[in-house]
C-alpha cells in the first residue's frame, strides 16, 4: 500500500474510532441511541474505507498474477 493511501486509511480509522467511541459513551452513560442517519453515515464511511483497501489489494493481486 502506498504511503498516501496508508495515511488515508489511518486517518479514516481514527475518525471512525472517535465517532464510534462517542456513540458508545452516549449509549453507556445516557442510554441514548444514535440517530439512524449517524449510523448510516458511519456505515457509508466504513464501506468507502473498505473499497479503498480492497481496490489496492485487487491491484496488487493482479500484478502478482502477471
N, C-alpha and C. Protein backbone atom coordinates (compact mmCIF):
# COMPACT_ATOMS: atom_id res chain seq x y z
N UNK A 1 0.86 -1.17 0.00
CA UNK A 1 0.00 0.00 0.00
C UNK A 1 0.90 1.23 0.00
N UNK A 2 0.59 2.17 -0.88
CA UNK A 2 1.39 3.38 -0.93
C UNK A 2 1.21 4.18 0.35
N UNK A 3 2.17 5.02 0.62
CA UNK A 3 2.15 5.79 1.87
C UNK A 3 0.94 6.71 1.96
N UNK A 4 0.55 7.33 0.83
CA UNK A 4 -0.59 8.24 0.88
C UNK A 4 -1.89 7.49 1.18
N UNK A 5 -2.07 6.32 0.55
CA UNK A 5 -3.26 5.53 0.84
C UNK A 5 -3.22 5.03 2.28
N UNK A 6 -2.05 4.67 2.74
CA UNK A 6 -1.91 4.22 4.12
C UNK A 6 -2.30 5.36 5.08
N UNK A 7 -1.86 6.57 4.77
CA UNK A 7 -2.22 7.72 5.59
C UNK A 7 -3.72 7.98 5.55
N UNK A 8 -4.33 7.81 4.38
CA UNK A 8 -5.78 7.98 4.25
C UNK A 8 -6.52 6.96 5.11
N UNK A 9 -6.09 5.73 5.07
CA UNK A 9 -6.72 4.67 5.85
C UNK A 9 -6.58 4.96 7.34
N UNK A 10 -5.39 5.35 7.76
CA UNK A 10 -5.16 5.67 9.17
C UNK A 10 -6.05 6.82 9.62
N UNK A 11 -6.15 7.84 8.80
CA UNK A 11 -6.99 9.00 9.12
C UNK A 11 -8.45 8.59 9.23
N UNK A 12 -8.94 7.80 8.27
CA UNK A 12 -10.33 7.33 8.31
C UNK A 12 -10.58 6.50 9.56
N UNK A 13 -9.67 5.60 9.87
CA UNK A 13 -9.85 4.74 11.03
C UNK A 13 -9.88 5.53 12.33
N UNK A 14 -9.02 6.53 12.44
CA UNK A 14 -9.02 7.36 13.64
C UNK A 14 -10.34 8.11 13.79
N UNK A 15 -10.83 8.66 12.69
CA UNK A 15 -12.09 9.39 12.72
C UNK A 15 -13.24 8.46 13.10
N UNK A 16 -13.30 7.29 12.48
CA UNK A 16 -14.38 6.35 12.76
C UNK A 16 -14.30 5.85 14.20
N UNK A 17 -13.11 5.61 14.69
CA UNK A 17 -12.94 5.18 16.07
C UNK A 17 -13.48 6.24 17.03
N UNK A 18 -13.18 7.50 16.74
CA UNK A 18 -13.66 8.60 17.58
C UNK A 18 -15.18 8.67 17.56
N UNK A 19 -15.76 8.59 16.37
CA UNK A 19 -17.21 8.65 16.24
C UNK A 19 -17.88 7.49 16.98
N UNK A 20 -17.35 6.29 16.81
CA UNK A 20 -17.94 5.13 17.46
C UNK A 20 -17.77 5.19 18.97
N UNK A 21 -16.65 5.72 19.42
CA UNK A 21 -16.44 5.88 20.86
C UNK A 21 -17.47 6.86 21.45
N UNK A 22 -17.73 7.96 20.74
CA UNK A 22 -18.73 8.92 21.20
C UNK A 22 -20.12 8.29 21.25
N UNK A 23 -20.46 7.49 20.24
CA UNK A 23 -21.75 6.81 20.23
C UNK A 23 -21.85 5.84 21.41
N UNK A 24 -20.80 5.10 21.65
CA UNK A 24 -20.78 4.13 22.74
C UNK A 24 -20.96 4.83 24.09
N UNK A 25 -20.25 5.94 24.28
CA UNK A 25 -20.37 6.67 25.54
C UNK A 25 -21.79 7.22 25.72
N UNK A 26 -22.41 7.66 24.65
CA UNK A 26 -23.78 8.14 24.72
C UNK A 26 -24.75 7.05 25.14
N UNK A 27 -24.55 5.87 24.60
CA UNK A 27 -25.39 4.73 24.96
C UNK A 27 -25.13 4.31 26.40
N UNK A 28 -23.88 4.22 26.75
CA UNK A 28 -23.49 3.74 28.08
C UNK A 28 -23.89 4.72 29.18
N UNK A 29 -23.59 5.99 28.99
CA UNK A 29 -23.81 6.98 30.04
C UNK A 29 -25.26 7.47 30.11
N UNK A 30 -25.84 7.77 28.95
CA UNK A 30 -27.14 8.42 28.92
C UNK A 30 -28.28 7.49 28.49
N UNK A 31 -27.92 6.33 27.94
CA UNK A 31 -28.95 5.44 27.41
C UNK A 31 -29.55 5.96 26.12
N UNK A 32 -28.88 6.92 25.47
CA UNK A 32 -29.37 7.49 24.23
C UNK A 32 -28.74 6.78 23.03
N UNK A 33 -29.58 6.32 22.16
CA UNK A 33 -29.08 5.66 20.96
C UNK A 33 -28.84 6.69 19.87
N UNK A 34 -27.86 6.45 19.00
CA UNK A 34 -27.59 7.41 17.93
C UNK A 34 -28.73 7.46 16.92
N UNK A 35 -28.80 8.56 16.22
CA UNK A 35 -29.80 8.72 15.17
C UNK A 35 -29.48 7.75 14.03
N UNK A 36 -30.52 7.26 13.35
CA UNK A 36 -30.28 6.36 12.21
C UNK A 36 -29.35 6.98 11.16
N UNK A 37 -29.47 8.28 10.94
CA UNK A 37 -28.60 8.95 9.96
C UNK A 37 -27.14 8.89 10.35
N UNK A 38 -26.86 8.98 11.64
CA UNK A 38 -25.48 8.88 12.12
C UNK A 38 -24.92 7.50 11.82
N UNK A 39 -25.75 6.49 12.08
CA UNK A 39 -25.31 5.11 11.82
C UNK A 39 -25.09 4.88 10.33
N UNK A 40 -26.00 5.40 9.51
CA UNK A 40 -25.83 5.26 8.06
C UNK A 40 -24.55 5.94 7.59
N UNK A 41 -24.24 7.09 8.18
CA UNK A 41 -23.01 7.79 7.82
C UNK A 41 -21.77 7.00 8.16
N UNK A 42 -21.75 6.39 9.35
CA UNK A 42 -20.62 5.56 9.75
C UNK A 42 -20.48 4.36 8.83
N UNK A 43 -21.60 3.72 8.51
CA UNK A 43 -21.57 2.56 7.61
C UNK A 43 -21.05 2.96 6.24
N UNK A 44 -21.48 4.10 5.72
CA UNK A 44 -21.01 4.58 4.41
C UNK A 44 -19.51 4.84 4.45
N UNK A 45 -19.02 5.40 5.54
CA UNK A 45 -17.59 5.66 5.66
C UNK A 45 -16.81 4.36 5.75
N UNK A 46 -17.34 3.38 6.46
CA UNK A 46 -16.67 2.08 6.54
C UNK A 46 -16.63 1.41 5.16
N UNK A 47 -17.72 1.53 4.40
CA UNK A 47 -17.75 0.96 3.05
C UNK A 47 -16.74 1.64 2.15
N UNK A 48 -16.63 2.97 2.24
CA UNK A 48 -15.64 3.69 1.44
C UNK A 48 -14.22 3.27 1.81
N UNK A 49 -13.99 3.09 3.09
CA UNK A 49 -12.67 2.65 3.54
C UNK A 49 -12.37 1.25 3.02
N UNK A 50 -13.36 0.37 3.07
CA UNK A 50 -13.18 -0.98 2.56
C UNK A 50 -12.87 -0.96 1.07
N UNK A 51 -13.57 -0.13 0.32
CA UNK A 51 -13.29 -0.02 -1.11
C UNK A 51 -11.87 0.48 -1.36
N UNK A 52 -11.43 1.44 -0.57
CA UNK A 52 -10.07 1.96 -0.71
C UNK A 52 -9.05 0.85 -0.49
N UNK A 53 -9.26 0.07 0.55
CA UNK A 53 -8.32 -1.00 0.88
C UNK A 53 -8.43 -2.13 -0.12
N UNK A 54 -9.65 -2.55 -0.48
CA UNK A 54 -9.82 -3.64 -1.44
C UNK A 54 -9.34 -3.25 -2.82
N UNK A 55 -9.53 -2.02 -3.20
CA UNK A 55 -9.05 -1.56 -4.51
C UNK A 55 -7.56 -1.72 -4.62
N UNK A 56 -6.85 -1.39 -3.56
CA UNK A 56 -5.40 -1.55 -3.54
C UNK A 56 -5.03 -3.02 -3.55
N UNK A 57 -5.76 -3.86 -2.85
CA UNK A 57 -5.48 -5.29 -2.79
C UNK A 57 -5.69 -5.93 -4.15
N UNK A 58 -6.77 -5.53 -4.85
CA UNK A 58 -7.02 -6.08 -6.18
C UNK A 58 -5.90 -5.73 -7.14
N UNK A 59 -5.40 -4.52 -7.08
CA UNK A 59 -4.31 -4.10 -7.96
C UNK A 59 -3.08 -4.94 -7.68
N UNK A 60 -2.75 -5.15 -6.41
CA UNK A 60 -1.59 -5.95 -6.05
C UNK A 60 -1.78 -7.39 -6.50
N UNK A 61 -2.98 -7.94 -6.34
CA UNK A 61 -3.24 -9.32 -6.72
C UNK A 61 -3.08 -9.50 -8.22
N UNK A 62 -3.58 -8.55 -9.00
CA UNK A 62 -3.46 -8.62 -10.45
C UNK A 62 -2.01 -8.51 -10.90
N UNK A 63 -1.24 -7.66 -10.28
CA UNK A 63 0.16 -7.50 -10.68
C UNK A 63 0.98 -8.71 -10.24
N UNK A 64 0.63 -9.35 -9.16
CA UNK A 64 1.33 -10.55 -8.71
C UNK A 64 1.05 -11.72 -9.64
N UNK A 65 -0.16 -11.78 -10.19
CA UNK A 65 -0.54 -12.87 -11.08
C UNK A 65 0.19 -12.77 -12.43
N UNK A 66 0.58 -11.57 -12.81
CA UNK A 66 1.23 -11.37 -14.11
C UNK A 66 2.65 -11.87 -14.14
